[in-house]
Amino acid sequence: MASDLRDGETTQVKGSGSSIYTLKNSGGVYSCTCPAWMHQGIAIERRTCKHLRAFRGDEAEEARLGSAPLSGKPTRAAAKKSSGEDVAPPVLLAHPWENDVDLTGWWISEKLDGVRAWWDGRRFLSRLGNQFFAPTWFTEGLPNHPLDGELWGGRKLFQRTVGIVKRQDESPLWKELSYVVFDAPAHGGVFEERTAFLEQSVAGRKVAWLQACAHLRCEGVDHLRRELARVEALGGEGLMARQPGSRYEAGRSSTLLKVKSFHDDEARVIDHLPGAGRHKGRLGALLVELADGTQFSVGTGFSDREREAPPKVGAVITFRYQELSNAGVPRFPSFVGERIDKVMAPSSPSPKARRVKAVTAPSTPPPASVPRSGKGRRFELVAGTSSKFWEISVDGAAFTTTYGRIGSKGQTTLKSFGSAAQAQAEAEKLIAEKTKKGYRETAG
C-alpha cells in the first residue's frame, strides 16, 4: 500500500544491494538522495524517481508532477524560450536495471552508443536544446512531426560519431551515420501504438539512413541475459527495456530501463595527469569529478590519439566502471568518450573536508609523498564468503586508505583535510566504523 510524507518529514528506503536512500517532503517538493533523482537536468519540483513512485504510488506522483508549482526563478528552458533560443526537448530518460524488476514481457532492444537526437520536424536538437547541423539531403526526407532517436555510426564508433555530429559545416561525413528512431513523442498512444506508427512512417519514406529501432519481447531473465551477451559480443553497449503499454513522459521514468554488464556515468574533467613509460609526454589519466564532488582518475580506455589530444578541462566525459566502493568511488573506471550533450557545474566542496584526488590506484606506483600500504594500520574481515582488508595511513593533514580482497593489491584513495588534527579525527572515525562492521586489526 502506498504511503506519503508530511511536510518536513523524511524516510529511508532500500535501493539495490545495500544502498539506502532518503526521501523528503519540503513544502510539497519531494526529493530522493539516489543518483537518478539528483542528476536530472530539470527543475527539482518536476523530478521523480522509482523510489518515490514505489513509496507514494504512480498515481500520487503523476498528480503531483501534473500540478507542480513553478518556482519564482525562471527555469533555464523558460529563459531560453523567452529569448528565442533553442529549448531543451522533453526527452524520456532511463533508469538502470538493478535486478529488481521482472522484465518478462517487456520490449527489449539494443542500446545504441551514439548521440541522442530529437527531431522537431525541421532540425535535430541535443538533449540540451543545441542544434546539430545535419546536411539538407540528410533531413529533407524526414517527417514533420517529432521523433526521438539516436544518430549512430555503428558499434565501437562513439567518438567518431560525436566528431561528425558536433561539426557545424554540414559535412559529407554524415553519410557514415544513420538516424535510428525509437519513439514518436507527440503520438500520444501507448508504446506498442507508437512503434507501429514509426515502422509504418519509416517504411513509407524509403530514406536509407532512417531506421526504426527493432524491438522484441523479453521471454524471461535467461532470454534477457542471452540477448545481452549476444549484443556485447558484437561490440554493443547493452540493452534497453520498455514497459508494455507505457506512455512517453519527460524525464527519468521507471518504464524505461537500461540493462548492462557494466555501469556508466558522467564526470567533469578537472585536470590532466601526466603519463609515464610509453605515455610519457602525453596524457596518463584524467582527473575527474562526479556531481557530488567525488574525485578520481580515469587512466584506461584511451586511444593514442586521445592521449595526445584529451578532452579539455571542464569537458564532460562518459566512463564505464564495475561497481562503487564503500566510499562511493567507481572501481576500474574506463574512458568511453566526451559528451557534447551534457554540462556539469563544479561541485561545492564540504566546508569540513576538501576533496582532492580521491584516485583509484593506477598501474604506476603512488607518489613518494603518499604513504604506501602496510605502513599504517591494517584491518581484515574474514567471515563466510567475505575475505577483505582495509588499511589506513595518516600523513599530516591527509590520510590514505587501501582496500580490496585479501591477496590483491587493492585500490587506494587519498583524502586531504584542513589540519592534521582533523585528518586524525576522521581516520579514527573510519576505524570505529570498520571495527563495528566486524573488521579486526592485524599485525601488519
Protein backbone atom coordinates (compact mmCIF):
# COMPACT_ATOMS: atom_id res chain seq x y z
CA MET A 1 0.00 0.00 0.00
CA ALA A 2 1.35 3.45 -0.95
CA SER A 3 2.47 5.84 1.81
CA ASP A 4 3.13 9.55 2.00
CA LEU A 5 5.23 12.09 3.89
CA ARG A 6 4.07 15.13 5.83
CA ASP A 7 5.73 18.49 5.16
CA GLY A 8 9.28 18.35 6.50
CA GLU A 9 9.17 14.59 7.10
CA THR A 10 11.81 12.16 5.80
CA THR A 11 12.06 8.41 5.48
CA GLN A 12 14.66 5.95 4.29
CA VAL A 13 14.14 3.33 1.58
CA LYS A 14 16.31 0.47 0.39
CA GLY A 15 17.75 0.63 -3.11
CA SER A 16 19.66 -2.05 -4.95
CA GLY A 17 22.17 -4.06 -2.95
CA SER A 18 22.95 -2.33 0.34
CA SER A 19 22.16 1.21 -0.83
CA ILE A 20 19.89 3.28 1.44
CA TYR A 21 18.25 6.47 0.12
CA THR A 22 16.39 9.25 1.93
CA LEU A 23 13.04 10.58 0.72
CA LYS A 24 11.90 14.02 1.88
CA ASN A 25 8.88 16.31 1.50
CA SER A 26 9.71 20.04 1.69
CA GLY A 27 6.60 22.09 1.11
CA GLY A 28 5.25 19.67 -1.46
CA VAL A 29 8.59 19.27 -3.25
CA TYR A 30 9.64 15.64 -2.91
CA SER A 31 13.29 14.63 -3.19
CA CYS A 32 15.41 11.49 -3.05
CA THR A 33 19.14 11.11 -2.45
CA CYS A 34 19.52 8.49 -5.20
CA PRO A 35 21.75 9.40 -8.20
CA ALA A 36 18.82 9.15 -10.63
CA TRP A 37 16.92 11.94 -8.83
CA MET A 38 19.95 14.15 -8.21
CA HIS A 39 21.33 14.01 -11.77
CA GLN A 40 18.15 15.04 -13.59
CA GLY A 41 18.54 18.22 -15.61
CA ILE A 42 15.10 19.63 -14.79
CA ALA A 43 13.65 21.80 -12.01
CA ILE A 44 13.59 19.96 -8.67
CA GLU A 45 9.81 20.26 -8.32
CA ARG A 46 9.46 18.30 -11.59
CA ARG A 47 11.73 15.42 -10.60
CA THR A 48 10.73 11.94 -9.56
CA CYS A 49 12.36 8.51 -9.38
CA LYS A 50 11.41 4.89 -8.94
CA HIS A 51 11.88 5.11 -5.15
CA LEU A 52 9.39 7.97 -4.85
CA ARG A 53 6.98 6.15 -7.16
CA ALA A 54 7.28 2.94 -5.17
CA PHE A 55 6.73 4.77 -1.86
CA ARG A 56 3.94 7.18 -2.87
CA GLY A 57 2.42 5.30 -5.80
CA ASP A 58 2.40 6.19 -9.52
CA GLU A 59 -0.98 7.92 -9.28
CA ALA A 60 0.15 10.27 -6.50
CA GLU A 61 3.37 11.11 -8.32
CA GLU A 62 1.57 11.78 -11.61
CA ALA A 63 -0.88 14.07 -9.80
CA ARG A 64 1.97 15.90 -8.09
CA LEU A 65 4.01 16.38 -11.25
CA GLY A 66 0.98 17.46 -13.22
CA SER A 67 0.33 20.30 -10.77
CA ALA A 68 3.84 21.06 -9.55
CA PRO A 69 4.21 24.73 -8.63
CA LEU A 70 6.53 26.86 -10.72
CA SER A 71 9.42 28.37 -8.83
CA GLY A 72 9.78 32.13 -8.69
CA LYS A 73 13.03 31.92 -10.62
CA PRO A 74 12.61 31.16 -14.35
CA THR A 75 13.96 27.77 -15.37
CA ARG A 76 16.81 27.52 -17.85
CA ALA A 77 14.40 26.23 -20.51
CA ALA A 78 11.93 29.07 -19.91
CA ALA A 79 14.69 31.65 -20.13
CA LYS A 80 15.90 30.19 -23.43
CA LYS A 81 12.39 30.11 -24.82
CA SER A 82 11.73 33.76 -23.94
CA SER A 83 14.99 34.78 -25.59
CA GLY A 84 14.24 32.88 -28.80
CA GLU A 85 16.99 30.30 -28.25
CA ASP A 86 16.58 26.57 -28.71
CA VAL A 87 14.76 24.89 -25.81
CA ALA A 88 15.85 21.52 -24.41
CA PRO A 89 13.37 18.91 -25.66
CA PRO A 90 11.34 16.90 -23.09
CA VAL A 91 13.14 13.60 -23.64
CA LEU A 92 12.30 10.33 -21.90
CA LEU A 93 15.28 9.11 -19.84
CA ALA A 94 16.06 5.68 -18.43
CA HIS A 95 16.84 4.25 -15.02
CA PRO A 96 19.40 1.44 -14.72
CA TRP A 97 18.00 -2.06 -14.26
CA GLU A 98 19.07 -3.32 -10.85
CA ASN A 99 17.65 -6.86 -10.96
CA ASP A 100 14.67 -5.55 -9.01
CA VAL A 101 12.10 -5.71 -11.84
CA ASP A 102 10.88 -8.81 -13.69
CA LEU A 103 11.33 -7.83 -17.35
CA THR A 104 9.35 -10.75 -18.74
CA GLY A 105 7.02 -9.37 -21.40
CA TRP A 106 8.91 -6.07 -21.69
CA TRP A 107 10.18 -4.85 -25.08
CA ILE A 108 13.96 -5.01 -25.42
CA SER A 109 16.28 -3.50 -28.00
CA GLU A 110 19.99 -2.83 -28.39
CA LYS A 111 21.28 0.23 -26.53
CA LEU A 112 22.95 2.25 -29.26
CA ASP A 113 26.19 4.00 -28.39
CA GLY A 114 25.54 7.14 -30.44
CA VAL A 115 24.34 10.70 -29.97
CA ARG A 116 20.79 11.21 -28.69
CA ALA A 117 18.95 13.45 -31.16
CA TRP A 118 15.43 14.89 -31.05
CA TRP A 119 13.93 15.69 -34.45
CA ASP A 120 11.40 18.53 -34.01
CA GLY A 121 10.07 18.33 -37.55
CA ARG A 122 12.70 20.52 -39.18
CA ARG A 123 16.02 20.12 -37.31
CA PHE A 124 17.95 17.94 -34.87
CA LEU A 125 18.37 19.06 -31.26
CA SER A 126 20.53 17.67 -28.49
CA ARG A 127 19.18 16.90 -25.02
CA LEU A 128 20.33 20.40 -24.03
CA GLY A 129 18.49 22.03 -26.92
CA ASN A 130 21.58 22.70 -29.06
CA GLN A 131 21.14 22.25 -32.80
CA PHE A 132 23.00 19.59 -34.77
CA PHE A 133 23.73 20.93 -38.25
CA ALA A 134 22.87 17.99 -40.48
CA PRO A 135 23.10 18.44 -44.29
CA THR A 136 19.88 19.27 -46.10
CA TRP A 137 19.98 15.96 -48.01
CA PHE A 138 20.02 14.12 -44.63
CA THR A 139 16.94 15.89 -43.28
CA GLU A 140 14.75 16.60 -46.29
CA GLY A 141 13.09 13.18 -46.28
CA LEU A 142 12.26 13.13 -42.57
CA PRO A 143 8.66 13.61 -41.31
CA ASN A 144 7.36 16.94 -39.99
CA HIS A 145 6.45 15.54 -36.55
CA PRO A 146 8.75 14.98 -33.53
CA LEU A 147 10.96 11.89 -33.38
CA ASP A 148 13.25 10.63 -30.63
CA GLY A 149 16.25 8.62 -31.70
CA GLU A 150 19.99 8.21 -31.99
CA LEU A 151 22.46 9.45 -34.58
CA TRP A 152 24.52 6.31 -34.89
CA GLY A 153 27.71 5.47 -36.74
CA GLY A 154 27.98 1.84 -35.65
CA ARG A 155 29.27 -0.17 -32.70
CA LYS A 156 32.53 0.99 -31.10
CA LEU A 157 32.38 4.25 -33.09
CA PHE A 158 31.03 6.60 -30.45
CA GLN A 159 33.88 9.12 -30.66
CA ARG A 160 33.78 9.06 -34.47
CA THR A 161 30.04 9.75 -34.35
CA VAL A 162 30.50 12.63 -31.90
CA GLY A 163 33.19 14.13 -34.11
CA ILE A 164 30.84 14.17 -37.10
CA VAL A 165 27.74 15.41 -35.28
CA LYS A 166 29.40 18.32 -33.48
CA ARG A 167 30.72 19.84 -36.73
CA GLN A 168 28.79 22.88 -37.97
CA ASP A 169 29.64 22.71 -41.65
CA GLU A 170 27.01 20.16 -42.82
CA SER A 171 29.88 17.79 -43.52
CA PRO A 172 29.57 14.99 -46.11
CA LEU A 173 30.81 12.70 -43.32
CA TRP A 174 27.14 12.45 -42.31
CA LYS A 175 26.98 9.71 -44.95
CA GLU A 176 28.53 7.47 -42.29
CA LEU A 177 25.56 7.95 -39.94
CA SER A 178 22.05 6.62 -39.59
CA TYR A 179 19.15 8.09 -37.65
CA VAL A 180 17.70 5.19 -35.66
CA VAL A 181 14.30 6.20 -34.28
CA PHE A 182 12.89 4.55 -31.17
CA ASP A 183 9.91 6.75 -30.29
CA ALA A 184 7.30 9.23 -31.53
CA PRO A 185 6.88 11.63 -28.56
CA ALA A 186 3.87 13.53 -29.91
CA HIS A 187 1.83 10.49 -30.96
CA GLY A 188 0.02 10.17 -27.63
CA GLY A 189 -0.53 6.41 -27.74
CA VAL A 190 0.99 3.61 -25.71
CA PHE A 191 4.38 2.21 -26.69
CA GLU A 192 3.04 -0.53 -28.98
CA GLU A 193 0.93 2.01 -30.88
CA ARG A 194 3.85 4.40 -31.21
CA THR A 195 6.22 1.75 -32.56
CA ALA A 196 3.63 0.59 -35.11
CA PHE A 197 3.23 4.19 -36.22
CA LEU A 198 7.02 4.60 -36.51
CA GLU A 199 7.51 1.43 -38.54
CA GLN A 200 4.79 2.48 -40.97
CA SER A 201 6.13 6.02 -41.22
CA VAL A 202 9.76 4.95 -41.79
CA ALA A 203 8.87 2.26 -44.33
CA GLY A 204 6.79 4.69 -46.36
CA ARG A 205 9.57 7.26 -46.71
CA LYS A 206 12.29 4.99 -48.13
CA VAL A 207 15.14 7.06 -46.69
CA ALA A 208 18.20 4.79 -46.48
CA TRP A 209 19.65 6.41 -43.35
CA LEU A 210 16.33 6.49 -41.48
CA GLN A 211 15.61 3.33 -39.46
CA ALA A 212 13.07 2.24 -36.88
CA CYS A 213 14.69 0.58 -33.88
CA ALA A 214 13.88 -3.13 -33.69
CA HIS A 215 12.27 -4.46 -30.50
CA LEU A 216 11.49 -7.98 -29.30
CA ARG A 217 9.58 -9.38 -26.36
CA CYS A 218 11.64 -10.48 -23.37
CA GLU A 219 10.84 -14.11 -22.54
CA GLY A 220 12.44 -14.04 -19.10
CA VAL A 221 15.73 -13.43 -17.33
CA ASP A 222 17.57 -16.20 -19.21
CA HIS A 223 16.46 -14.76 -22.54
CA LEU A 224 17.48 -11.27 -21.35
CA ARG A 225 20.97 -12.40 -20.40
CA ARG A 226 21.45 -14.35 -23.65
CA GLU A 227 20.46 -11.29 -25.67
CA LEU A 228 22.72 -9.07 -23.57
CA ALA A 229 25.66 -11.45 -24.10
CA ARG A 230 24.96 -11.54 -27.86
CA VAL A 231 24.90 -7.74 -28.18
CA GLU A 232 28.01 -7.26 -26.04
CA ALA A 233 29.89 -9.93 -28.04
CA LEU A 234 29.18 -7.86 -31.17
CA GLY A 235 30.64 -4.78 -29.50
CA GLY A 236 27.31 -3.30 -28.42
CA GLU A 237 26.81 -1.36 -25.21
CA GLY A 238 23.83 -3.20 -23.72
CA LEU A 239 20.04 -3.32 -23.91
CA MET A 240 17.08 -1.01 -23.35
CA ALA A 241 13.85 -2.36 -21.88
CA ARG A 242 10.45 -0.66 -22.24
CA GLN A 243 7.38 -1.45 -20.21
CA PRO A 244 4.41 -2.68 -22.26
CA GLY A 245 1.59 -0.16 -22.52
CA SER A 246 3.75 2.72 -21.27
CA ARG A 247 3.39 6.29 -22.48
CA TYR A 248 6.05 8.81 -23.41
CA GLU A 249 6.93 11.12 -20.50
CA ALA A 250 9.60 13.74 -19.93
CA GLY A 251 12.41 12.99 -17.50
CA ARG A 252 13.57 9.74 -15.94
CA SER A 253 10.95 7.05 -15.86
CA SER A 254 10.73 3.56 -14.39
CA THR A 255 9.05 2.49 -17.66
CA LEU A 256 12.42 2.67 -19.45
CA LEU A 257 15.40 0.72 -18.10
CA LYS A 258 18.94 0.21 -19.38
CA VAL A 259 20.48 -3.23 -18.96
CA LYS A 260 24.26 -3.52 -18.97
CA SER A 261 27.01 -5.72 -17.56
CA PHE A 262 28.93 -2.59 -16.60
CA HIS A 263 27.67 0.68 -15.18
CA ASP A 264 28.35 4.04 -16.76
CA ASP A 265 28.21 7.63 -15.57
CA GLU A 266 29.33 11.14 -16.46
CA ALA A 267 32.07 13.20 -14.81
CA ARG A 268 33.65 16.61 -15.34
CA VAL A 269 37.34 16.82 -16.24
CA ILE A 270 39.25 18.90 -13.68
CA ASP A 271 42.89 18.09 -14.57
CA HIS A 272 45.22 16.20 -16.89
CA LEU A 273 47.63 13.83 -15.14
CA PRO A 274 50.94 13.26 -16.99
CA GLY A 275 51.80 9.85 -18.40
CA ALA A 276 54.82 7.69 -17.70
CA GLY A 277 56.61 4.97 -19.65
CA ARG A 278 55.19 4.67 -23.16
CA HIS A 279 52.78 7.51 -22.36
CA LYS A 280 55.48 9.94 -21.23
CA GLY A 281 54.88 13.38 -22.73
CA ARG A 282 51.15 12.88 -23.15
CA LEU A 283 48.07 12.12 -21.07
CA GLY A 284 48.41 9.47 -18.40
CA ALA A 285 44.95 9.87 -16.87
CA LEU A 286 42.10 12.33 -16.48
CA LEU A 287 41.35 13.60 -13.00
CA VAL A 288 37.57 13.90 -12.96
CA GLU A 289 34.79 14.85 -10.57
CA LEU A 290 31.30 13.47 -10.13
CA ALA A 291 28.32 15.72 -9.45
CA ASP A 292 28.63 15.02 -5.71
CA GLY A 293 32.28 16.15 -5.63
CA THR A 294 33.93 12.70 -5.58
CA GLN A 295 37.23 12.86 -7.47
CA PHE A 296 39.16 10.01 -9.05
CA SER A 297 41.31 9.29 -12.09
CA VAL A 298 40.38 7.57 -15.34
CA GLY A 299 43.50 6.13 -16.94
CA THR A 300 42.32 3.42 -19.32
CA GLY A 301 40.18 3.25 -22.45
CA PHE A 302 42.06 5.96 -24.39
CA SER A 303 43.49 5.59 -27.86
CA ASP A 304 46.94 7.05 -28.57
CA ARG A 305 45.26 9.88 -30.46
CA GLU A 306 43.00 10.68 -27.49
CA ARG A 307 46.00 10.74 -25.15
CA GLU A 308 47.65 13.31 -27.40
CA ALA A 309 44.52 15.47 -27.61
CA PRO A 310 42.43 14.63 -24.50
CA PRO A 311 39.12 16.25 -23.51
CA LYS A 312 39.69 19.75 -22.18
CA VAL A 313 39.37 20.72 -18.52
CA GLY A 314 35.68 21.43 -17.94
CA ALA A 315 34.51 18.89 -20.52
CA VAL A 316 32.07 16.13 -19.52
CA ILE A 317 33.06 12.54 -20.24
CA THR A 318 31.29 9.21 -20.07
CA PHE A 319 33.14 6.42 -18.29
CA ARG A 320 32.36 2.78 -17.60
CA TYR A 321 33.02 1.01 -14.30
CA GLN A 322 32.30 -2.25 -12.49
CA GLU A 323 30.92 -1.06 -9.15
CA LEU A 324 31.21 1.63 -6.48
CA SER A 325 33.50 1.24 -3.50
CA ASN A 326 32.22 1.76 0.04
CA ALA A 327 33.49 5.34 -0.26
CA GLY A 328 31.45 5.90 -3.43
CA VAL A 329 34.46 5.80 -5.80
CA PRO A 330 33.92 3.97 -9.14
CA ARG A 331 36.08 0.86 -9.39
CA PHE A 332 38.07 0.16 -12.57
CA PRO A 333 36.81 3.23 -14.48
CA SER A 334 37.44 3.23 -18.24
CA PHE A 335 37.05 6.16 -20.65
CA VAL A 336 34.21 5.85 -23.20
CA GLY A 337 34.11 9.29 -24.79
CA GLU A 338 33.48 13.00 -24.43
CA ARG A 339 29.86 14.14 -24.21
CA ILE A 340 28.61 17.02 -26.32
CA ASP A 341 25.06 16.93 -24.96
CA LYS A 342 25.87 17.29 -21.25
CA VAL A 343 27.09 20.06 -18.96
CA MET A 344 28.13 19.71 -15.34
CA ALA A 345 28.72 22.59 -12.95
CA PRO A 346 31.64 22.42 -10.49
CA SER A 347 30.65 20.91 -7.17
CA SER A 348 30.62 22.83 -3.90
CA PRO A 349 33.11 21.13 -1.55
CA SER A 350 32.04 20.44 2.01
CA PRO A 351 33.39 23.04 4.47
CA LYS A 352 34.52 20.18 6.71
CA ALA A 353 36.71 18.38 4.20
CA ARG A 354 38.37 19.40 0.97
CA ARG A 355 38.19 16.53 -1.51
CA VAL A 356 41.39 16.12 -3.51
CA LYS A 357 42.40 13.44 -5.95
CA ALA A 358 40.46 10.59 -4.42
CA VAL A 359 42.13 8.45 -7.06
CA THR A 360 41.68 4.78 -7.75
CA ALA A 361 45.13 3.20 -7.76
CA PRO A 362 46.85 3.43 -11.17
CA SER A 363 49.24 0.87 -12.54
CA THR A 364 52.21 3.12 -11.68
CA PRO A 365 53.46 3.40 -8.06
CA PRO A 366 51.90 6.14 -5.90
CA PRO A 367 53.81 9.40 -5.39
CA ALA A 368 56.58 9.31 -2.79
CA SER A 369 54.60 11.71 -0.58
CA VAL A 370 51.77 9.22 -0.24
CA PRO A 371 52.39 6.58 2.48
CA ARG A 372 52.38 3.12 0.94
CA SER A 373 50.04 0.45 2.26
CA GLY A 374 51.42 -1.58 5.13
CA LYS A 375 52.93 1.42 6.99
CA GLY A 376 49.68 2.28 8.74
CA ARG A 377 47.03 0.16 10.43
CA ARG A 378 45.58 -2.90 8.71
CA PHE A 379 42.17 -4.47 9.36
CA GLU A 380 40.70 -7.66 7.90
CA LEU A 381 37.22 -9.14 7.63
CA VAL A 382 37.08 -12.91 7.10
CA ALA A 383 33.54 -14.26 7.51
CA GLY A 384 31.52 -16.56 5.26
CA THR A 385 32.36 -15.63 1.67
CA SER A 386 33.97 -12.32 2.70
CA SER A 387 37.76 -12.06 2.70
CA LYS A 388 38.61 -8.36 2.66
CA PHE A 389 41.25 -6.00 4.01
CA TRP A 390 41.29 -2.27 4.76
CA GLU A 391 44.36 -0.19 5.60
CA ILE A 392 44.76 3.43 6.64
CA SER A 393 47.88 5.61 6.91
CA VAL A 394 47.75 9.16 8.28
CA ASP A 395 50.35 11.61 6.99
CA GLY A 396 49.95 15.12 8.36
CA ALA A 397 46.70 16.68 7.10
CA ALA A 398 45.89 13.72 4.81
CA PHE A 399 45.30 10.02 5.02
CA THR A 400 45.46 7.15 2.54
CA THR A 401 43.12 4.16 2.58
CA THR A 402 43.73 0.94 0.66
CA TYR A 403 41.10 -1.78 0.43
CA GLY A 404 40.21 -4.91 -1.51
CA ARG A 405 40.21 -8.69 -1.35
CA ILE A 406 42.92 -10.29 0.76
CA GLY A 407 45.75 -11.30 -1.56
CA SER A 408 45.13 -8.45 -4.03
CA LYS A 409 46.87 -5.07 -4.24
CA GLY A 410 43.53 -3.36 -3.69
CA GLN A 411 42.62 0.22 -4.52
CA THR A 412 43.91 3.40 -2.95
CA THR A 413 42.14 6.64 -2.06
CA LEU A 414 43.79 9.82 -0.78
CA LYS A 415 41.85 12.45 1.19
CA SER A 416 43.18 15.78 2.45
CA PHE A 417 41.84 18.00 5.24
CA GLY A 418 42.38 21.45 6.69
CA SER A 419 44.62 20.25 9.54
CA ALA A 420 46.46 17.20 10.87
CA ALA A 421 44.07 17.04 13.83
CA GLN A 422 41.08 16.91 11.52
CA ALA A 423 42.68 14.16 9.41
CA GLN A 424 43.42 12.12 12.55
CA ALA A 425 39.88 12.57 13.86
CA GLU A 426 38.33 11.47 10.57
CA ALA A 427 40.68 8.46 10.42
CA GLU A 428 39.65 7.35 13.91
CA LYS A 429 36.02 7.70 12.91
CA LEU A 430 36.56 5.40 9.92
CA ILE A 431 38.42 2.88 12.08
CA ALA A 432 35.49 2.80 14.51
CA GLU A 433 33.08 2.21 11.62
CA LYS A 434 35.18 -0.65 10.27
CA THR A 435 35.52 -2.41 13.62
CA LYS A 436 31.78 -2.06 14.14
CA LYS A 437 31.27 -3.91 10.86
CA GLY A 438 33.44 -6.79 12.06
CA TYR A 439 36.89 -5.85 10.80
CA ARG A 440 39.74 -6.90 13.14
CA GLU A 441 43.14 -5.22 13.31
CA THR A 442 46.12 -7.34 12.28
CA ALA A 443 49.81 -7.04 12.99
CA GLY A 444 50.76 -5.72 9.55
